[in-house]
Protein backbone atom coordinates (compact mmCIF):
# COMPACT_ATOMS: atom_id res chain seq x y z
CA MET A 1 112.64 203.99 226.91
CA ASN A 2 111.10 202.59 229.47
CA THR A 3 109.65 198.93 230.45
CA ILE A 4 106.33 198.22 231.93
CA PRO A 5 106.27 194.29 232.60
CA TRP A 6 102.73 193.89 231.34
CA LEU A 7 103.22 196.05 228.48
CA GLY A 8 106.97 196.11 227.24
CA GLU A 9 109.05 199.03 225.97
CA TYR A 10 107.08 202.22 226.55
CA SER A 11 108.02 205.58 225.34
CA GLY A 12 106.59 207.78 228.31
CA SER A 13 106.78 208.20 232.07
CA THR A 14 105.45 205.51 234.62
CA ILE A 15 104.31 205.45 237.91
CA THR A 16 103.18 202.83 240.24
CA VAL A 17 99.57 202.78 241.10
CA LYS A 18 99.77 203.15 244.70
CA HIS A 19 101.56 206.73 243.97
CA ALA A 20 98.67 207.99 241.86
CA TYR A 21 95.54 206.47 243.78
CA GLU A 22 94.58 205.47 247.50
CA LEU A 23 94.13 202.01 247.81
CA VAL A 24 92.57 200.14 250.36
CA LEU A 25 91.99 196.23 250.79
CA GLY A 26 88.39 195.42 252.14
CA LYS A 27 87.52 193.74 255.57
CA MET A 28 88.02 190.12 256.65
CA GLU A 29 84.44 188.65 257.15
CA GLN A 30 83.58 188.78 260.84
CA PRO A 31 80.98 185.52 261.88
CA SER A 32 80.23 187.41 265.24
CA PRO A 33 79.85 191.02 266.74
CA THR A 34 82.28 192.58 269.34
CA ASP A 35 80.76 195.34 271.64
CA GLY A 36 79.33 198.49 269.41
CA ASP A 37 79.09 196.69 266.11
CA ILE A 38 76.57 196.47 263.65
CA LYS A 39 75.41 194.71 260.85
CA VAL A 40 75.90 196.11 257.63
CA GLU A 41 75.58 195.52 253.99
CA TYR A 42 79.11 194.65 252.29
CA LEU A 43 80.26 193.86 248.18
CA ASN A 44 82.37 190.91 247.67
CA SER A 45 83.91 189.94 244.50
CA GLY A 46 80.78 188.11 243.63
CA CYS A 47 78.96 191.51 243.00
CA LEU A 48 81.60 192.89 240.70
CA GLN A 49 81.48 192.51 237.07
CA TRP A 50 83.15 194.37 233.83
CA TYR A 51 80.07 196.02 233.31
CA GLY A 52 79.23 197.37 236.67
CA VAL A 53 78.71 196.48 240.28
CA GLU A 54 75.80 194.67 241.23
CA PRO A 55 74.98 194.75 245.12
CA ASN A 56 73.16 191.80 247.15
CA GLN A 57 71.18 193.29 249.50
CA GLU A 58 71.18 189.99 251.68
CA LYS A 59 74.95 190.18 251.97
CA LYS A 60 75.57 191.81 255.66
CA MET A 61 78.45 191.32 258.22
CA TRP A 62 79.66 192.69 261.64
CA ALA A 63 81.37 195.81 261.39
CA SER A 64 82.64 198.43 264.13
CA PRO A 65 81.84 202.24 263.24
CA ALA A 66 85.69 202.65 262.70
CA ASP A 67 85.55 199.92 259.81
CA ILE A 68 82.46 201.64 258.53
CA ARG A 69 84.12 204.87 258.12
CA ASN A 70 87.24 203.58 256.51
CA LEU A 71 85.59 201.06 254.70
CA SER A 72 82.80 202.79 253.44
CA ILE A 73 81.91 202.58 249.60
CA ARG A 74 80.79 206.02 247.67
CA SER A 75 79.51 206.59 244.43
CA GLY A 76 82.49 207.29 241.77
CA ASP A 77 84.75 204.34 243.64
CA LEU A 78 86.63 201.62 241.77
CA LEU A 79 86.67 198.04 242.68
CA ILE A 80 89.37 195.70 241.80
CA ALA A 81 89.22 191.91 242.06
CA GLU A 82 91.87 190.50 244.60
CA GLY A 83 90.71 187.04 244.15
CA GLY A 84 88.67 185.02 241.94
CA ASP A 85 88.97 186.57 238.20
CA VAL A 86 91.82 189.33 239.59
CA GLY A 87 92.10 192.12 238.32
CA ARG A 88 88.22 192.70 237.28
CA ALA A 89 87.78 196.02 237.92
CA ALA A 90 84.09 198.50 237.58
CA ILE A 91 83.20 201.99 239.08
CA TYR A 92 80.52 201.70 241.56
CA TYR A 93 77.59 204.00 241.11
CA GLY A 94 74.94 203.91 243.94
CA GLU A 95 74.06 204.77 247.54
CA SER A 96 76.59 205.11 250.40
CA GLY A 97 76.32 203.11 253.36
CA ARG A 98 77.89 199.88 251.83
CA ILE A 99 81.23 198.52 252.87
CA PHE A 100 83.73 195.81 251.09
CA GLN A 101 85.03 192.41 251.71
CA LYS A 102 88.41 191.37 251.56
CA SER A 103 88.23 190.00 248.49
CA LEU A 104 88.19 193.77 246.88
CA HIS A 105 90.56 196.45 246.71
CA ARG A 106 88.72 200.09 246.63
CA ALA A 107 90.66 202.75 244.67
CA ARG A 108 90.71 206.66 244.83
CA GLY A 109 92.16 209.04 242.69
CA TYR A 110 95.09 211.80 244.58
CA GLU A 111 95.03 215.31 243.21
CA GLY A 112 92.05 215.03 240.84
CA SER A 113 93.33 211.77 239.00
CA ASP A 114 90.39 210.35 236.89
CA ILE A 115 89.51 206.92 238.37
CA ARG A 116 88.10 205.82 234.81
CA TYR A 117 91.51 205.86 233.02
CA LEU A 118 92.65 203.71 235.71
CA LYS A 119 89.44 201.66 235.29
CA TYR A 120 90.51 201.13 231.53
CA VAL A 121 94.38 200.60 232.69
CA MET A 122 93.17 197.51 234.45
CA ILE A 123 90.92 196.29 231.63
CA ALA A 124 94.19 196.59 229.38
CA LEU A 125 96.17 194.61 232.29
CA HIS A 126 93.46 192.12 232.45
CA GLY A 127 93.72 191.45 228.58
CA SER A 128 97.50 191.29 228.39
CA GLY A 129 97.89 187.89 230.07
CA TRP A 130 100.27 189.62 232.85
CA LEU A 131 97.88 188.64 235.69
CA ASP A 132 98.15 184.88 234.68
CA ILE A 133 101.55 185.34 235.77
CA LEU A 134 101.91 187.80 238.43
CA CYS A 135 99.05 185.87 240.15
CA ASN A 136 99.75 182.65 239.57
CA LYS A 137 96.59 181.72 238.36
CA ALA A 138 97.60 177.85 237.93
CA THR A 139 96.85 177.57 241.73
CA MET A 140 94.59 180.36 243.42
CA ALA A 141 95.09 183.42 242.03
CA HIS A 142 95.57 186.71 244.52
CA PHE A 143 96.32 190.56 243.51
CA THR A 144 97.39 191.40 246.99
CA ALA A 145 97.70 194.54 248.36
CA GLU A 146 101.70 195.09 247.45
CA LYS A 147 100.88 193.48 243.73
CA LEU A 148 98.72 196.09 242.90
CA GLY A 149 100.36 198.65 244.42
CA SER A 150 103.63 198.08 243.19
CA LEU A 151 102.33 197.74 239.39
CA GLU A 152 103.80 200.24 237.11
CA ILE A 153 101.32 202.11 234.55
CA PRO A 154 101.69 204.89 232.25
CA CYS A 155 102.13 208.34 234.12
CA VAL A 156 99.72 210.18 232.34
CA PRO A 157 98.64 214.13 233.34
CA VAL A 158 95.33 214.42 234.74
CA GLU A 159 93.55 216.39 231.41
CA GLU A 160 95.19 213.73 229.44
CA GLN A 161 93.32 210.99 231.44
CA ARG A 162 90.05 212.67 231.17
CA ARG A 163 90.26 212.69 227.72
CA ILE A 164 91.48 209.21 227.08
CA ALA A 165 88.53 208.19 229.70
CA ASP A 166 86.05 210.11 227.52
CA PHE A 167 87.53 208.97 224.29
CA LEU A 168 86.90 205.39 225.58
CA ASP A 169 83.69 205.78 227.00
CA ALA A 170 82.17 207.07 223.85
CA GLU A 171 83.55 204.33 221.93
CA THR A 172 83.19 201.52 224.27
CA ALA A 173 79.56 201.97 224.66
CA ARG A 174 79.41 202.34 220.86
CA ILE A 175 80.86 198.94 220.44
CA GLU A 176 78.67 197.25 223.36
CA ALA A 177 75.80 198.77 221.58
CA LEU A 178 76.80 197.11 218.04
CA ARG A 179 77.35 193.83 220.44
CA GLU A 180 73.95 193.85 222.19
CA SER A 181 72.44 194.50 219.31
CA ARG A 182 73.92 191.10 218.24
CA ARG A 183 73.38 189.38 220.79
CA ALA A 184 69.46 190.23 220.36
CA GLN A 185 69.81 188.79 217.00
CA VAL A 186 70.81 185.70 218.43
CA SER A 187 68.13 185.37 221.06
CA ILE A 188 65.93 185.91 217.99
CA LEU A 189 67.29 183.33 216.27
CA ASP A 190 66.91 180.98 219.38
CA GLU A 191 63.30 181.57 219.10
CA LEU A 192 63.18 181.08 215.46
CA GLU A 193 64.65 177.94 215.96
CA LEU A 194 62.03 176.64 218.93
CA ALA A 195 59.23 177.54 217.00
CA ARG A 196 60.68 175.71 214.09
CA ILE A 197 60.94 172.49 216.05
CA GLY A 198 57.57 173.47 217.44
CA GLU A 199 56.15 173.40 214.37
CA HIS A 200 57.39 170.00 213.35
CA LEU A 201 56.28 168.77 216.37
CA SER A 202 52.95 169.46 216.14
CA THR A 203 52.11 167.58 212.45
CA ALA A 204 53.00 164.38 214.19
CA GLU A 205 50.44 162.16 213.60
CA LYS A 206 50.36 160.21 216.85
CA ILE A 207 51.72 160.33 220.59
CA GLY A 208 53.08 157.53 222.42
CA PRO A 209 55.65 157.18 225.45
CA VAL A 210 59.60 157.04 224.70
CA TYR A 211 59.71 153.27 226.13
CA ALA A 212 57.92 152.40 222.96
CA TYR A 213 60.04 153.72 220.67
CA PHE A 214 63.35 154.26 222.07
CA ASP A 215 65.85 151.99 224.45
CA VAL A 216 66.90 154.27 227.28
CA GLN A 217 70.41 153.24 229.41
CA LEU A 218 72.49 155.41 232.13
CA GLY A 219 75.96 155.32 232.12
CA LYS A 220 78.73 153.75 234.23
CA MET A 221 79.43 154.71 237.75
CA LEU A 222 82.93 156.27 238.19
CA ASN A 223 85.00 154.44 240.52
CA ALA A 224 88.31 155.72 241.87
CA GLU A 225 90.09 152.55 241.14
CA ARG A 226 89.30 152.33 237.73
CA ALA A 227 90.39 155.79 237.01
CA SER A 228 93.79 154.65 237.93
CA GLY A 229 93.81 150.95 236.40
CA ASP A 230 94.93 149.08 233.36
CA ASN A 231 92.90 149.38 230.11
CA GLN A 232 92.19 153.11 230.11
CA GLN A 233 89.48 153.95 227.85
CA PRO A 234 88.18 157.22 227.18
CA TYR A 235 84.58 158.26 228.05
CA LEU A 236 81.88 160.97 227.85
CA ARG A 237 80.27 163.21 230.82
CA ASN A 238 77.44 165.56 231.00
CA ALA A 239 79.99 168.58 230.00
CA ASN A 240 81.26 167.01 227.10
CA VAL A 241 77.77 166.98 225.47
CA GLN A 242 76.74 170.48 223.86
CA TRP A 243 72.98 171.05 222.16
CA TYR A 244 73.50 168.80 218.67
CA GLU A 245 77.27 168.47 218.91
CA ILE A 246 79.68 166.61 221.43
CA ASN A 247 83.35 167.98 222.61
CA THR A 248 86.02 165.91 222.77
CA ASP A 249 88.91 167.79 223.35
CA ASP A 250 88.59 167.14 227.07
CA LEU A 251 87.94 163.40 227.63
CA ALA A 252 88.52 161.29 231.15
CA THR A 253 89.30 157.84 230.75
CA MET A 254 88.91 154.64 233.40
CA SER A 255 88.91 150.96 232.77
CA PHE A 256 86.04 149.09 231.66
CA ASP A 257 86.18 145.15 232.14
CA PRO A 258 85.62 143.62 228.59
CA ASP A 259 82.25 142.29 229.71
CA GLU A 260 81.20 146.06 229.97
CA HIS A 261 81.94 146.76 226.77
CA LEU A 262 78.96 145.89 225.19
CA ARG A 263 76.89 147.39 227.51
CA TYR A 264 79.07 150.67 227.61
CA GLU A 265 80.43 151.07 224.41
CA LEU A 266 79.47 153.77 222.04
CA ARG A 267 78.08 153.24 218.56
CA PRO A 268 77.63 155.76 215.68
CA GLY A 269 74.38 157.12 215.78
CA ASP A 270 73.72 156.70 219.76
CA LEU A 271 71.84 159.56 221.15
CA LEU A 272 73.85 160.98 224.70
CA VAL A 273 71.19 162.77 226.90
CA CYS A 274 72.53 164.52 230.28
CA GLU A 275 70.75 163.24 233.12
CA GLY A 276 71.92 165.79 235.49
CA GLY A 277 73.86 169.32 235.53
CA TYR A 278 72.90 170.15 232.01
CA VAL A 279 69.21 168.21 232.25
CA GLY A 280 68.18 167.25 228.81
CA ARG A 281 70.80 168.90 226.86
CA CYS A 282 71.62 166.33 224.05
CA ALA A 283 73.67 165.17 221.15
CA VAL A 284 74.18 162.23 218.93
CA TRP A 285 77.59 160.45 218.97
CA ASP A 286 79.38 160.46 215.12
CA GLY A 287 81.78 157.56 216.41
CA ARG A 288 84.79 159.81 215.78
CA LEU A 289 86.87 157.73 218.57
CA SER A 290 86.47 153.82 218.75
CA PRO A 291 86.55 152.81 221.69
CA CYS A 292 84.58 155.45 223.79
CA PHE A 293 82.20 155.07 226.59
CA TYR A 294 79.75 157.00 228.44
CA GLN A 295 79.47 157.90 232.43
CA LYS A 296 76.54 157.91 234.70
CA SER A 297 76.00 161.41 234.40
CA LEU A 298 74.55 160.48 230.83
CA HIS A 299 71.81 158.48 229.34
CA ARG A 300 72.32 156.44 226.05
CA ILE A 301 69.24 156.02 223.31
CA ARG A 302 69.01 153.89 220.71
CA ALA A 303 65.89 153.43 218.57
CA ARG A 304 63.62 150.43 219.07
CA LYS A 305 61.46 151.30 215.71
CA ASN A 306 61.18 153.48 213.05
CA VAL A 307 61.97 156.50 214.91
CA PRO A 308 65.35 158.33 214.61
CA VAL A 309 67.15 159.18 217.73
CA GLU A 310 67.38 162.86 216.23
CA TRP A 311 63.80 163.08 216.38
CA LEU A 312 63.70 162.90 220.17
CA MET A 313 66.86 165.17 219.96
CA TYR A 314 64.76 167.98 219.07
CA TRP A 315 61.83 167.00 221.32
CA LEU A 316 64.11 167.35 223.81
CA ARG A 317 65.26 170.69 223.17
CA TYR A 318 61.74 171.66 222.67
CA ALA A 319 60.86 170.45 225.86
CA LYS A 320 64.10 171.81 227.72
CA ALA A 321 62.63 175.38 226.35
CA ILE A 322 59.26 175.14 227.70
CA GLY A 323 60.01 174.06 230.93
CA VAL A 324 58.69 170.36 230.82
CA PHE A 325 61.69 168.93 232.90
CA HIS A 326 60.75 171.41 235.73
CA ALA A 327 58.04 169.77 236.56
CA ASN A 328 59.61 166.40 237.43
CA GLY A 329 63.20 167.45 238.28
CA ASN A 330 64.39 168.92 241.91
CA VAL A 331 64.70 172.44 240.75
CA ALA A 332 65.31 173.69 243.92
CA THR A 333 68.88 171.85 244.01
CA ILE A 334 70.29 170.22 241.10
CA ALA A 335 68.03 168.81 238.71
CA HIS A 336 67.96 165.14 237.49
CA LEU A 337 66.19 163.57 234.30
CA THR A 338 66.38 159.79 235.71
CA GLY A 339 65.60 157.19 233.36
CA GLU A 340 62.11 156.36 234.91
CA GLN A 341 61.01 160.01 234.24
CA LEU A 342 62.60 159.83 230.27
CA VAL A 343 60.86 156.88 229.35
CA GLU A 344 57.47 157.91 230.81
CA TYR A 345 57.24 161.18 228.87
CA ARG A 346 54.67 160.47 226.11
CA ILE A 347 55.80 162.67 222.62
CA PRO A 348 54.64 163.23 219.29
CA ILE A 349 55.40 160.54 216.67
CA PRO A 350 55.57 160.95 212.97
CA GLU A 351 54.91 158.56 210.23
CA ASP A 352 58.19 159.33 208.58
CA GLY A 353 60.57 160.46 210.96
CA HIS A 354 63.41 160.51 208.83
CA HIS A 355 61.83 162.64 206.43
CA ARG A 356 60.96 165.21 209.19
CA VAL A 357 64.09 165.13 210.84
CA ALA A 358 65.95 165.78 207.56
CA GLU A 359 64.09 169.19 206.83
CA MET A 360 64.31 170.39 210.45
CA ALA A 361 68.20 169.29 210.49
CA SER A 362 68.65 171.68 207.52
CA GLU A 363 66.72 174.85 208.85
CA ILE A 364 68.19 174.00 211.95
CA ALA A 365 71.61 174.26 210.57
CA ALA A 366 70.78 177.48 208.62
CA ILE A 367 69.86 179.27 211.96
CA ARG A 368 72.88 178.02 213.60
CA GLU A 369 75.17 179.24 210.91
CA THR A 370 73.61 182.44 211.07
CA GLN A 371 74.44 182.41 214.92
CA ARG A 372 77.86 181.53 214.51
CA LYS A 373 78.28 184.21 211.99
CA MET A 374 77.17 186.69 214.52
CA GLU A 375 79.02 185.40 217.45
CA ALA A 376 82.03 185.36 215.86
CA ALA A 377 81.44 189.08 214.33
CA ASN A 378 81.04 189.94 218.45
CA ALA A 379 83.97 188.35 219.20
CA LEU A 380 85.88 190.52 216.82
CA LEU A 381 84.03 193.70 218.30
CA ALA A 382 85.65 191.85 221.77
CA GLU A 383 88.71 192.12 220.50
CA ARG A 384 88.70 195.59 219.16
CA ARG A 385 87.41 196.93 222.44
CA GLN A 386 90.12 195.14 224.12
CA ALA A 387 92.79 196.60 221.52
CA LEU A 388 91.23 200.09 221.43
CA ILE A 389 91.15 200.68 225.57
CA THR A 390 95.16 199.09 225.59
CA ALA A 391 96.23 201.36 223.01
CA ALA A 392 94.45 204.60 224.59
CA VAL A 393 95.71 204.26 227.82
CA THR A 394 99.21 203.34 226.57
CA GLY A 395 99.80 205.95 224.28
CA GLY A 396 99.48 203.43 221.21
CA ILE A 397 96.76 205.97 219.58
CA THR A 398 96.51 209.84 220.36
CA VAL A 399 92.86 210.84 221.33
């Protein structure tokens, strides 16, 4: 019985990748030309996705004629990420004439080896978690030429490789079609949610500025000294705020003076709105932690009059979707929704906001529950795809 480190005990024979496939690491980016160099389009790890390779015609580097000969990409080559999401792999199908950067390995089969088989082996390897250990993802991971070349994989006859690859091509295409169908259904439900919000907003009896109905306050500026001082308290930042819900799994802390508690301490029912990064995304704080504060990347909103903050939350969801904030945010760089901008927006105001909010909340909860079920089913399909690939390339099932 053989042992493959990333797989465990394996009943068949093994081979290292470098003895089954020709491996070449790409070219270090060259900032200036030498004699005879020309600018040529290149691929890097950013062009490489699991579903395929997406060239970027704007990416060009200086290369010599020898570089172009040795590092050319042709249709059917397998590209493997050396850095970033190490081990990510996809087959290039496209024009010749491009080369590849040092963040990628190029693999070609020896003696008719099916390159698709190696692609599926790389998917199985990636899913095993072994690359996290092998490439030390705790720091900056690199899947070096030495690590890739010495990697042990099942040694499978060429005809069997083709049979496995044909089987997996068909089965993974069927699974991906099902997943794409569910993703389309989730998108339709997104559209339905926005349509229902829009219908409710359109029934409001009047229009008024945000400042007339809500109090808006920006959070506390971060300070390096406060991050390491005494009296550390948890605080929320924009990454914690999702649409309609707040994630407290990863909270940072900093110190707050007693006189700042009144100003920056959250109360149950406060609406938190992202000022930058995820502009306009918002959720109501449920008070699960006390005390809890909020950072400068968030606006805290409280009602002044008999209009619940949830009404503004739904308006913000709708406004974000239809591009209202693009008119004011600097979308050329990082958009920001300042307090000055936010309070001046004129929004629909209902006579009976609590009743309208209850209706919207019930409808949106039903839509979101259906979406969660579809997303859970898609996650199971992804697990099924991974398990099927691993079983097929390692002999766990006969195809």
